[in-house]
Amino acid sequence: MKRFLIPLGVFIALLIFLAVGLTRDPSDVPSPLIGKPAPVFSLPRLDDPARQFSTAELKGRVWLLNVWASWCVSCREEHPLLVEFAKTSTVPIVGLDYKDGNEDGKAWLARLGNPYTLAVVDADGRVGIDYGVYGVPETYVIDKNGVIRLKHTGPITREALEKEIKPLLAELAR
């Protein structure tokens, strides 16, 4: 009888881990950067590659960094919501065109609308790596001190915008 107790205990422990794992959202990937300074970067602007944008330009302001690409199917899903949100002028939205061609990115924004205060080009993906990008789209809320306060993985939904992002932006604006 005792020889069955250890395997039974291991089996029950595995069932508990499985049950906990099944309750989690697989798209919710925790970021070790939450609460840490956002990686600083300087990249060429999509609209004028001769000009650079640096994160230092937004020091003292709350802003969003939205990582996107013209080849990204999920980015197309969130794009109309970003365009709508941008019209409120709540915060600057910086678009990080991730591993994309300049002309492809420009054409995509011309066709679907441009929600970004400005867009920059991360052609080799190095800035994306610094931010821990798993895949596009991803959106980061960065506070006045340049600290990452939220990472949203996957397309922004209306629910995430209303229940998660907007309340955080309102709190940070105080």
N, C-alpha and C. Protein backbone atom coordinates (compact mmCIF):
# COMPACT_ATOMS: atom_id res chain seq x y z
N MET A 1 0.82 -1.20 0.00
CA MET A 1 0.00 0.00 0.00
C MET A 1 0.86 1.26 0.00
N LYS A 2 1.94 1.27 0.81
CA LYS A 2 2.78 2.46 0.91
C LYS A 2 3.48 2.77 -0.41
N ARG A 3 3.79 1.76 -1.20
CA ARG A 3 4.51 2.00 -2.45
C ARG A 3 3.65 2.75 -3.47
N PHE A 4 2.34 2.78 -3.28
CA PHE A 4 1.45 3.52 -4.19
C PHE A 4 1.25 4.98 -3.76
N LEU A 5 1.59 5.32 -2.55
CA LEU A 5 1.37 6.67 -2.04
C LEU A 5 2.27 7.71 -2.71
N ILE A 6 3.53 7.39 -2.93
CA ILE A 6 4.45 8.35 -3.56
C ILE A 6 4.02 8.64 -5.00
N PRO A 7 3.79 7.64 -5.85
CA PRO A 7 3.33 7.95 -7.21
C PRO A 7 1.98 8.67 -7.21
N LEU A 8 1.10 8.32 -6.28
CA LEU A 8 -0.19 8.99 -6.20
C LEU A 8 0.00 10.46 -5.83
N GLY A 9 0.89 10.73 -4.88
CA GLY A 9 1.19 12.12 -4.48
C GLY A 9 1.77 12.92 -5.63
N VAL A 10 2.70 12.31 -6.38
CA VAL A 10 3.29 12.98 -7.54
C VAL A 10 2.21 13.26 -8.59
N PHE A 11 1.34 12.30 -8.82
CA PHE A 11 0.25 12.45 -9.79
C PHE A 11 -0.68 13.59 -9.39
N ILE A 12 -1.03 13.67 -8.12
CA ILE A 12 -1.92 14.74 -7.63
C ILE A 12 -1.23 16.10 -7.78
N ALA A 13 0.06 16.17 -7.48
CA ALA A 13 0.81 17.43 -7.64
C ALA A 13 0.81 17.87 -9.10
N LEU A 14 1.02 16.93 -10.01
CA LEU A 14 0.99 17.26 -11.44
C LEU A 14 -0.39 17.75 -11.88
N LEU A 15 -1.42 17.15 -11.36
CA LEU A 15 -2.78 17.60 -11.67
C LEU A 15 -3.02 19.03 -11.20
N ILE A 16 -2.51 19.35 -10.03
CA ILE A 16 -2.67 20.71 -9.51
C ILE A 16 -1.93 21.71 -10.41
N PHE A 17 -0.68 21.40 -10.80
CA PHE A 17 0.06 22.28 -11.71
C PHE A 17 -0.66 22.44 -13.03
N LEU A 18 -1.21 21.36 -13.57
CA LEU A 18 -1.95 21.42 -14.82
C LEU A 18 -3.19 22.30 -14.67
N ALA A 19 -3.93 22.14 -13.59
CA ALA A 19 -5.15 22.93 -13.36
C ALA A 19 -4.82 24.41 -13.26
N VAL A 20 -3.75 24.75 -12.55
CA VAL A 20 -3.34 26.16 -12.44
C VAL A 20 -2.92 26.69 -13.80
N GLY A 21 -2.16 25.91 -14.55
CA GLY A 21 -1.70 26.33 -15.87
C GLY A 21 -2.83 26.57 -16.84
N LEU A 22 -3.88 25.78 -16.75
CA LEU A 22 -5.01 25.93 -17.67
C LEU A 22 -5.85 27.17 -17.37
N THR A 23 -5.70 27.75 -16.19
CA THR A 23 -6.46 28.96 -15.86
C THR A 23 -5.74 30.23 -16.31
N ARG A 24 -4.52 30.12 -16.75
CA ARG A 24 -3.73 31.30 -17.14
C ARG A 24 -3.92 31.63 -18.61
N ASP A 25 -3.80 32.92 -18.92
CA ASP A 25 -3.92 33.41 -20.30
C ASP A 25 -2.56 33.23 -20.98
N PRO A 26 -2.48 32.42 -22.04
CA PRO A 26 -1.18 32.19 -22.69
C PRO A 26 -0.62 33.42 -23.36
N SER A 27 -1.45 34.42 -23.66
CA SER A 27 -0.93 35.64 -24.29
C SER A 27 -0.39 36.62 -23.25
N ASP A 28 -0.64 36.35 -21.97
CA ASP A 28 -0.17 37.23 -20.91
C ASP A 28 1.24 36.80 -20.52
N VAL A 29 2.22 37.40 -21.18
CA VAL A 29 3.61 37.06 -20.92
C VAL A 29 4.18 38.13 -20.00
N PRO A 30 4.52 37.79 -18.76
CA PRO A 30 5.03 38.80 -17.84
C PRO A 30 6.37 39.35 -18.32
N SER A 31 6.57 40.63 -18.09
CA SER A 31 7.81 41.26 -18.52
C SER A 31 8.66 41.59 -17.30
N PRO A 32 9.93 41.23 -17.34
CA PRO A 32 10.81 41.61 -16.23
C PRO A 32 11.12 43.11 -16.23
N LEU A 33 10.69 43.82 -17.28
CA LEU A 33 10.98 45.25 -17.38
C LEU A 33 9.95 46.13 -16.67
N ILE A 34 8.81 45.55 -16.25
CA ILE A 34 7.80 46.35 -15.56
C ILE A 34 8.42 46.92 -14.28
N GLY A 35 8.28 48.24 -14.13
CA GLY A 35 8.86 48.91 -12.97
C GLY A 35 10.32 49.28 -13.14
N LYS A 36 10.87 49.02 -14.30
CA LYS A 36 12.27 49.33 -14.58
C LYS A 36 12.34 50.42 -15.66
N PRO A 37 13.45 51.15 -15.74
CA PRO A 37 13.58 52.17 -16.78
C PRO A 37 13.46 51.56 -18.18
N ALA A 38 12.71 52.24 -19.03
CA ALA A 38 12.57 51.80 -20.41
C ALA A 38 13.91 51.92 -21.11
N PRO A 39 14.26 50.94 -21.93
CA PRO A 39 15.51 51.07 -22.68
C PRO A 39 15.50 52.33 -23.54
N VAL A 40 16.60 53.04 -23.49
CA VAL A 40 16.75 54.28 -24.25
C VAL A 40 17.16 53.92 -25.67
N PHE A 41 16.59 54.62 -26.63
CA PHE A 41 16.99 54.38 -28.02
C PHE A 41 16.91 55.67 -28.82
N SER A 42 17.60 55.66 -29.93
CA SER A 42 17.54 56.73 -30.92
C SER A 42 17.48 56.02 -32.27
N LEU A 43 16.40 56.25 -33.01
CA LEU A 43 16.18 55.57 -34.27
C LEU A 43 15.72 56.55 -35.34
N PRO A 44 15.91 56.19 -36.61
CA PRO A 44 15.42 57.06 -37.69
C PRO A 44 13.89 57.06 -37.74
N ARG A 45 13.36 58.22 -38.06
CA ARG A 45 11.91 58.36 -38.20
C ARG A 45 11.45 57.71 -39.50
N LEU A 46 10.26 57.13 -39.49
CA LEU A 46 9.72 56.49 -40.67
C LEU A 46 9.42 57.53 -41.75
N ASP A 47 8.89 58.69 -41.36
CA ASP A 47 8.52 59.71 -42.34
C ASP A 47 9.72 60.44 -42.92
N ASP A 48 10.83 60.46 -42.19
CA ASP A 48 12.04 61.15 -42.66
C ASP A 48 13.26 60.47 -42.05
N PRO A 49 13.79 59.43 -42.71
CA PRO A 49 14.91 58.66 -42.15
C PRO A 49 16.16 59.49 -41.85
N ALA A 50 16.26 60.69 -42.39
CA ALA A 50 17.41 61.54 -42.10
C ALA A 50 17.31 62.12 -40.69
N ARG A 51 16.11 62.13 -40.11
CA ARG A 51 15.90 62.66 -38.76
C ARG A 51 15.79 61.50 -37.77
N GLN A 52 16.34 61.70 -36.59
CA GLN A 52 16.31 60.70 -35.53
C GLN A 52 15.29 61.09 -34.47
N PHE A 53 14.73 60.09 -33.83
CA PHE A 53 13.91 60.31 -32.64
C PHE A 53 14.61 59.61 -31.50
N SER A 54 14.66 60.27 -30.36
CA SER A 54 15.24 59.69 -29.16
C SER A 54 14.19 59.69 -28.06
N THR A 55 14.20 58.65 -27.24
CA THR A 55 13.25 58.57 -26.13
C THR A 55 13.43 59.74 -25.16
N ALA A 56 14.59 60.35 -25.15
CA ALA A 56 14.83 61.50 -24.28
C ALA A 56 13.88 62.66 -24.59
N GLU A 57 13.37 62.70 -25.83
CA GLU A 57 12.44 63.76 -26.23
C GLU A 57 11.11 63.67 -25.47
N LEU A 58 10.79 62.53 -24.91
CA LEU A 58 9.53 62.36 -24.20
C LEU A 58 9.70 62.28 -22.68
N LYS A 59 10.90 62.58 -22.21
CA LYS A 59 11.16 62.59 -20.77
C LYS A 59 10.21 63.60 -20.12
N GLY A 60 9.57 63.21 -19.04
CA GLY A 60 8.63 64.09 -18.35
C GLY A 60 7.20 63.94 -18.85
N ARG A 61 6.97 63.04 -19.82
CA ARG A 61 5.63 62.81 -20.36
C ARG A 61 5.29 61.33 -20.29
N VAL A 62 4.02 61.04 -20.10
CA VAL A 62 3.54 59.67 -20.20
C VAL A 62 3.32 59.39 -21.68
N TRP A 63 3.73 58.21 -22.14
CA TRP A 63 3.55 57.90 -23.56
C TRP A 63 3.41 56.40 -23.78
N LEU A 64 2.94 56.06 -24.98
CA LEU A 64 2.80 54.67 -25.38
C LEU A 64 3.82 54.35 -26.46
N LEU A 65 4.38 53.15 -26.36
CA LEU A 65 5.22 52.61 -27.44
C LEU A 65 4.47 51.41 -28.00
N ASN A 66 4.09 51.50 -29.27
CA ASN A 66 3.37 50.40 -29.92
C ASN A 66 4.29 49.78 -30.96
N VAL A 67 4.60 48.50 -30.77
CA VAL A 67 5.47 47.77 -31.69
C VAL A 67 4.58 47.11 -32.73
N TRP A 68 4.84 47.40 -34.01
CA TRP A 68 3.99 46.93 -35.10
C TRP A 68 4.84 46.65 -36.33
N ALA A 69 4.22 46.09 -37.37
CA ALA A 69 4.88 45.88 -38.65
C ALA A 69 3.82 45.71 -39.73
N SER A 70 4.17 46.07 -40.94
CA SER A 70 3.20 45.96 -42.05
C SER A 70 2.88 44.51 -42.37
N TRP A 71 3.76 43.59 -42.04
CA TRP A 71 3.55 42.17 -42.31
C TRP A 71 2.76 41.47 -41.21
N CYS A 72 2.42 42.19 -40.16
CA CYS A 72 1.77 41.62 -38.98
C CYS A 72 0.24 41.61 -39.14
N VAL A 73 -0.33 40.42 -39.15
CA VAL A 73 -1.78 40.28 -39.30
C VAL A 73 -2.51 40.81 -38.06
N SER A 74 -2.01 40.51 -36.88
CA SER A 74 -2.65 40.97 -35.65
C SER A 74 -2.60 42.49 -35.49
N CYS A 75 -1.58 43.11 -36.08
CA CYS A 75 -1.47 44.57 -36.02
C CYS A 75 -2.64 45.22 -36.75
N ARG A 76 -3.06 44.59 -37.83
CA ARG A 76 -4.21 45.09 -38.60
C ARG A 76 -5.47 45.05 -37.75
N GLU A 77 -5.56 44.06 -36.86
CA GLU A 77 -6.72 43.90 -35.98
C GLU A 77 -6.82 45.06 -34.98
N GLU A 78 -5.70 45.48 -34.39
CA GLU A 78 -5.74 46.53 -33.37
C GLU A 78 -5.68 47.94 -33.96
N HIS A 79 -5.28 48.04 -35.21
CA HIS A 79 -5.00 49.35 -35.81
C HIS A 79 -6.18 50.33 -35.77
N PRO A 80 -7.41 49.91 -36.14
CA PRO A 80 -8.53 50.87 -36.08
C PRO A 80 -8.76 51.42 -34.67
N LEU A 81 -8.55 50.60 -33.67
CA LEU A 81 -8.71 51.05 -32.29
C LEU A 81 -7.63 52.06 -31.92
N LEU A 82 -6.41 51.83 -32.39
CA LEU A 82 -5.33 52.80 -32.15
C LEU A 82 -5.62 54.13 -32.84
N VAL A 83 -6.12 54.06 -34.07
CA VAL A 83 -6.46 55.29 -34.80
C VAL A 83 -7.53 56.07 -34.05
N GLU A 84 -8.53 55.37 -33.56
CA GLU A 84 -9.61 56.00 -32.79
C GLU A 84 -9.07 56.60 -31.50
N PHE A 85 -8.23 55.86 -30.78
CA PHE A 85 -7.66 56.33 -29.52
C PHE A 85 -6.76 57.55 -29.75
N ALA A 86 -6.01 57.55 -30.83
CA ALA A 86 -5.09 58.66 -31.12
C ALA A 86 -5.84 59.98 -31.27
N LYS A 87 -7.08 59.92 -31.73
CA LYS A 87 -7.87 61.15 -31.92
C LYS A 87 -8.17 61.85 -30.60
N THR A 88 -8.09 61.12 -29.48
CA THR A 88 -8.33 61.73 -28.16
C THR A 88 -7.14 62.55 -27.70
N SER A 89 -5.99 62.35 -28.31
CA SER A 89 -4.74 63.06 -27.95
C SER A 89 -4.43 62.93 -26.46
N THR A 90 -4.76 61.78 -25.89
CA THR A 90 -4.51 61.55 -24.46
C THR A 90 -3.02 61.56 -24.16
N VAL A 91 -2.27 60.79 -24.92
CA VAL A 91 -0.82 60.69 -24.74
C VAL A 91 -0.18 60.52 -26.12
N PRO A 92 1.09 60.87 -26.24
CA PRO A 92 1.78 60.59 -27.50
C PRO A 92 1.90 59.07 -27.70
N ILE A 93 1.73 58.65 -28.94
CA ILE A 93 1.89 57.25 -29.29
C ILE A 93 3.05 57.16 -30.28
N VAL A 94 4.09 56.45 -29.88
CA VAL A 94 5.24 56.24 -30.75
C VAL A 94 5.10 54.83 -31.34
N GLY A 95 5.16 54.76 -32.66
CA GLY A 95 5.10 53.47 -33.33
C GLY A 95 6.50 52.99 -33.63
N LEU A 96 6.79 51.76 -33.25
CA LEU A 96 8.09 51.14 -33.53
C LEU A 96 7.87 50.13 -34.65
N ASP A 97 8.23 50.52 -35.87
CA ASP A 97 8.06 49.65 -37.04
C ASP A 97 9.15 48.59 -36.99
N TYR A 98 8.76 47.38 -36.61
CA TYR A 98 9.68 46.31 -36.22
C TYR A 98 10.02 45.41 -37.41
N LYS A 99 11.31 45.36 -37.74
CA LYS A 99 11.83 44.48 -38.79
C LYS A 99 11.01 44.58 -40.08
N ASP A 100 10.86 45.81 -40.53
CA ASP A 100 10.00 46.09 -41.68
C ASP A 100 10.75 47.02 -42.63
N GLY A 101 10.33 47.04 -43.87
CA GLY A 101 10.91 47.97 -44.84
C GLY A 101 10.24 49.34 -44.73
N ASN A 102 11.02 50.40 -44.89
CA ASN A 102 10.47 51.76 -44.78
C ASN A 102 9.27 51.97 -45.68
N GLU A 103 9.39 51.59 -46.94
CA GLU A 103 8.30 51.83 -47.89
C GLU A 103 7.07 51.01 -47.53
N ASP A 104 7.28 49.79 -47.05
CA ASP A 104 6.15 48.95 -46.63
C ASP A 104 5.41 49.60 -45.45
N GLY A 105 6.17 50.09 -44.47
CA GLY A 105 5.57 50.75 -43.31
C GLY A 105 4.82 52.01 -43.69
N LYS A 106 5.43 52.83 -44.54
CA LYS A 106 4.77 54.07 -44.99
C LYS A 106 3.48 53.76 -45.74
N ALA A 107 3.52 52.79 -46.63
CA ALA A 107 2.34 52.43 -47.42
C ALA A 107 1.23 51.91 -46.52
N TRP A 108 1.60 51.12 -45.52
CA TRP A 108 0.61 50.55 -44.60
C TRP A 108 -0.11 51.66 -43.84
N LEU A 109 0.65 52.64 -43.33
CA LEU A 109 0.05 53.75 -42.59
C LEU A 109 -0.77 54.65 -43.51
N ALA A 110 -0.31 54.84 -44.73
CA ALA A 110 -1.08 55.67 -45.68
C ALA A 110 -2.42 55.01 -46.00
N ARG A 111 -2.42 53.70 -46.09
CA ARG A 111 -3.63 52.96 -46.45
C ARG A 111 -4.61 52.84 -45.27
N LEU A 112 -4.08 52.58 -44.05
CA LEU A 112 -4.95 52.29 -42.90
C LEU A 112 -5.11 53.44 -41.91
N GLY A 113 -4.37 54.51 -42.11
CA GLY A 113 -4.40 55.63 -41.17
C GLY A 113 -3.21 55.58 -40.24
N ASN A 114 -2.81 56.75 -39.77
CA ASN A 114 -1.62 56.83 -38.94
C ASN A 114 -1.99 57.31 -37.53
N PRO A 115 -2.00 56.40 -36.56
CA PRO A 115 -2.34 56.78 -35.19
C PRO A 115 -1.15 57.36 -34.41
N TYR A 116 0.03 57.34 -35.00
CA TYR A 116 1.24 57.65 -34.25
C TYR A 116 1.58 59.12 -34.27
N THR A 117 2.01 59.61 -33.11
CA THR A 117 2.57 60.94 -33.03
C THR A 117 3.79 60.97 -33.92
N LEU A 118 4.54 59.89 -33.89
CA LEU A 118 5.62 59.63 -34.83
C LEU A 118 5.95 58.16 -34.82
N ALA A 119 6.49 57.70 -35.92
CA ALA A 119 6.87 56.29 -36.04
C ALA A 119 8.37 56.23 -36.35
N VAL A 120 9.02 55.24 -35.75
CA VAL A 120 10.45 55.04 -35.97
C VAL A 120 10.67 53.64 -36.53
N VAL A 121 11.84 53.44 -37.12
CA VAL A 121 12.14 52.19 -37.80
C VAL A 121 13.18 51.40 -37.00
N ASP A 122 12.80 50.19 -36.62
CA ASP A 122 13.71 49.26 -35.95
C ASP A 122 13.99 48.12 -36.94
N ALA A 123 14.74 48.45 -37.99
CA ALA A 123 14.94 47.52 -39.10
C ALA A 123 15.61 46.21 -38.68
N ASP A 124 16.58 46.27 -37.78
CA ASP A 124 17.28 45.05 -37.38
C ASP A 124 16.71 44.41 -36.11
N GLY A 125 15.73 45.06 -35.49
CA GLY A 125 15.07 44.48 -34.32
C GLY A 125 15.82 44.62 -33.01
N ARG A 126 16.89 45.38 -32.98
CA ARG A 126 17.68 45.50 -31.74
C ARG A 126 16.91 46.18 -30.60
N VAL A 127 16.16 47.22 -30.93
CA VAL A 127 15.37 47.90 -29.89
C VAL A 127 14.28 46.95 -29.40
N GLY A 128 13.67 46.22 -30.31
CA GLY A 128 12.68 45.22 -29.91
C GLY A 128 13.26 44.21 -28.94
N ILE A 129 14.48 43.78 -29.18
CA ILE A 129 15.15 42.85 -28.27
C ILE A 129 15.35 43.50 -26.90
N ASP A 130 15.77 44.76 -26.90
CA ASP A 130 15.97 45.48 -25.63
C ASP A 130 14.68 45.55 -24.81
N TYR A 131 13.55 45.68 -25.50
CA TYR A 131 12.25 45.76 -24.84
C TYR A 131 11.65 44.39 -24.55
N GLY A 132 12.30 43.33 -24.99
CA GLY A 132 11.80 41.99 -24.73
C GLY A 132 10.60 41.63 -25.59
N VAL A 133 10.57 42.13 -26.82
CA VAL A 133 9.45 41.85 -27.71
C VAL A 133 9.45 40.37 -28.08
N TYR A 134 8.31 39.73 -27.82
CA TYR A 134 8.14 38.31 -28.18
C TYR A 134 7.55 38.19 -29.57
N GLY A 135 6.75 39.15 -29.95
CA GLY A 135 6.09 39.16 -31.25
C GLY A 135 5.25 40.41 -31.33
N VAL A 136 4.93 40.79 -32.53
CA VAL A 136 4.14 42.01 -32.70
C VAL A 136 2.67 41.65 -32.84
N PRO A 137 1.77 42.50 -32.41
CA PRO A 137 2.00 43.78 -31.75
C PRO A 137 2.21 43.63 -30.24
N GLU A 138 2.92 44.58 -29.71
CA GLU A 138 3.08 44.74 -28.27
C GLU A 138 3.03 46.23 -27.97
N THR A 139 2.47 46.57 -26.82
CA THR A 139 2.33 47.97 -26.45
C THR A 139 2.83 48.17 -25.03
N TYR A 140 3.57 49.24 -24.83
CA TYR A 140 4.15 49.57 -23.53
C TYR A 140 3.63 50.94 -23.09
N VAL A 141 3.29 51.05 -21.80
CA VAL A 141 2.97 52.35 -21.20
C VAL A 141 4.21 52.77 -20.43
N ILE A 142 4.70 53.96 -20.74
CA ILE A 142 5.92 54.48 -20.12
C ILE A 142 5.58 55.76 -19.39
N ASP A 143 5.97 55.84 -18.12
CA ASP A 143 5.58 56.99 -17.30
C ASP A 143 6.52 58.19 -17.48
N LYS A 144 6.24 59.25 -16.74
CA LYS A 144 6.99 60.51 -16.86
C LYS A 144 8.47 60.36 -16.53
N ASN A 145 8.80 59.36 -15.73
CA ASN A 145 10.20 59.14 -15.35
C ASN A 145 10.89 58.16 -16.28
N GLY A 146 10.21 57.74 -17.35
CA GLY A 146 10.80 56.81 -18.29
C GLY A 146 10.78 55.36 -17.82
N VAL A 147 9.85 55.04 -16.92
CA VAL A 147 9.73 53.69 -16.38
C VAL A 147 8.57 52.97 -17.07
N ILE A 148 8.81 51.72 -17.44
CA ILE A 148 7.75 50.92 -18.06
C ILE A 148 6.76 50.52 -16.98
N ARG A 149 5.51 50.88 -17.18
CA ARG A 149 4.47 50.58 -16.20
C ARG A 149 3.55 49.45 -16.63
N LEU A 150 3.49 49.18 -17.95
CA LEU A 150 2.61 48.13 -18.45
C LEU A 150 3.14 47.61 -19.78
N LYS A 151 3.03 46.31 -19.96
CA LYS A 151 3.31 45.71 -21.26
C LYS A 151 2.08 44.93 -21.65
N HIS A 152 1.51 45.27 -22.81
CA HIS A 152 0.36 44.53 -23.33
C HIS A 152 0.84 43.74 -24.54
N THR A 153 0.77 42.42 -24.43
CA THR A 153 1.20 41.55 -25.52
C THR A 153 -0.01 41.20 -26.38
N GLY A 154 0.17 41.28 -27.68
CA GLY A 154 -0.92 40.98 -28.61
C GLY A 154 -1.70 42.23 -28.96
N PRO A 155 -2.71 42.07 -29.82
CA PRO A 155 -3.47 43.25 -30.23
C PRO A 155 -4.25 43.87 -29.06
N ILE A 156 -4.27 45.17 -29.03
CA ILE A 156 -5.07 45.87 -28.01
C ILE A 156 -6.54 45.67 -28.37
N THR A 157 -7.30 45.29 -27.37
CA THR A 157 -8.75 45.16 -27.55
C THR A 157 -9.43 46.35 -26.89
N ARG A 158 -10.68 46.56 -27.22
CA ARG A 158 -11.42 47.65 -26.58
C ARG A 158 -11.46 47.43 -25.06
N GLU A 159 -11.64 46.17 -24.64
CA GLU A 159 -11.68 45.86 -23.22
C GLU A 159 -10.36 46.20 -22.54
N ALA A 160 -9.24 45.82 -23.14
CA ALA A 160 -7.93 46.13 -22.56
C ALA A 160 -7.70 47.63 -22.50
N LEU A 161 -8.13 48.33 -23.54
CA LEU A 161 -7.97 49.78 -23.58
C LEU A 161 -8.78 50.44 -22.46
N GLU A 162 -10.04 50.04 -22.31
CA GLU A 162 -10.93 50.66 -21.32
C GLU A 162 -10.62 50.25 -19.89
N LYS A 163 -10.28 48.99 -19.67
CA LYS A 163 -10.12 48.50 -18.30
C LYS A 163 -8.69 48.51 -17.79
N GLU A 164 -7.74 48.56 -18.70
CA GLU A 164 -6.34 48.43 -18.28
C GLU A 164 -5.52 49.68 -18.64
N ILE A 165 -5.53 50.04 -19.91
CA ILE A 165 -4.64 51.09 -20.38
C ILE A 165 -5.11 52.49 -19.99
N LYS A 166 -6.36 52.83 -20.30
CA LYS A 166 -6.86 54.18 -19.98
C LYS A 166 -6.82 54.49 -18.47
N PRO A 167 -7.25 53.57 -17.61
CA PRO A 167 -7.15 53.89 -16.17
C PRO A 167 -5.70 54.12 -15.71
N LEU A 168 -4.78 53.34 -16.25
CA LEU A 168 -3.38 53.54 -15.90
C LEU A 168 -2.87 54.89 -16.40
N LEU A 169 -3.25 55.25 -17.62
CA LEU A 169 -2.84 56.56 -18.16
C LEU A 169 -3.39 57.70 -17.31
N ALA A 170 -4.64 57.57 -16.88
CA ALA A 170 -5.25 58.61 -16.03
C ALA A 170 -4.51 58.72 -14.70
N GLU A 171 -4.16 57.58 -14.13
CA GLU A 171 -3.42 57.57 -12.87
C GLU A 171 -2.05 58.21 -13.03
N LEU A 172 -1.36 57.89 -14.12
CA LEU A 172 -0.02 58.42 -14.34
C LEU A 172 -0.02 59.90 -14.70
N ALA A 173 -1.13 60.39 -15.23
CA ALA A 173 -1.21 61.80 -15.62
C ALA A 173 -1.30 62.72 -14.40
N ARG A 174 -1.69 62.16 -13.26
CA ARG A 174 -1.82 62.99 -12.05
C ARG A 174 -0.51 63.45 -11.52
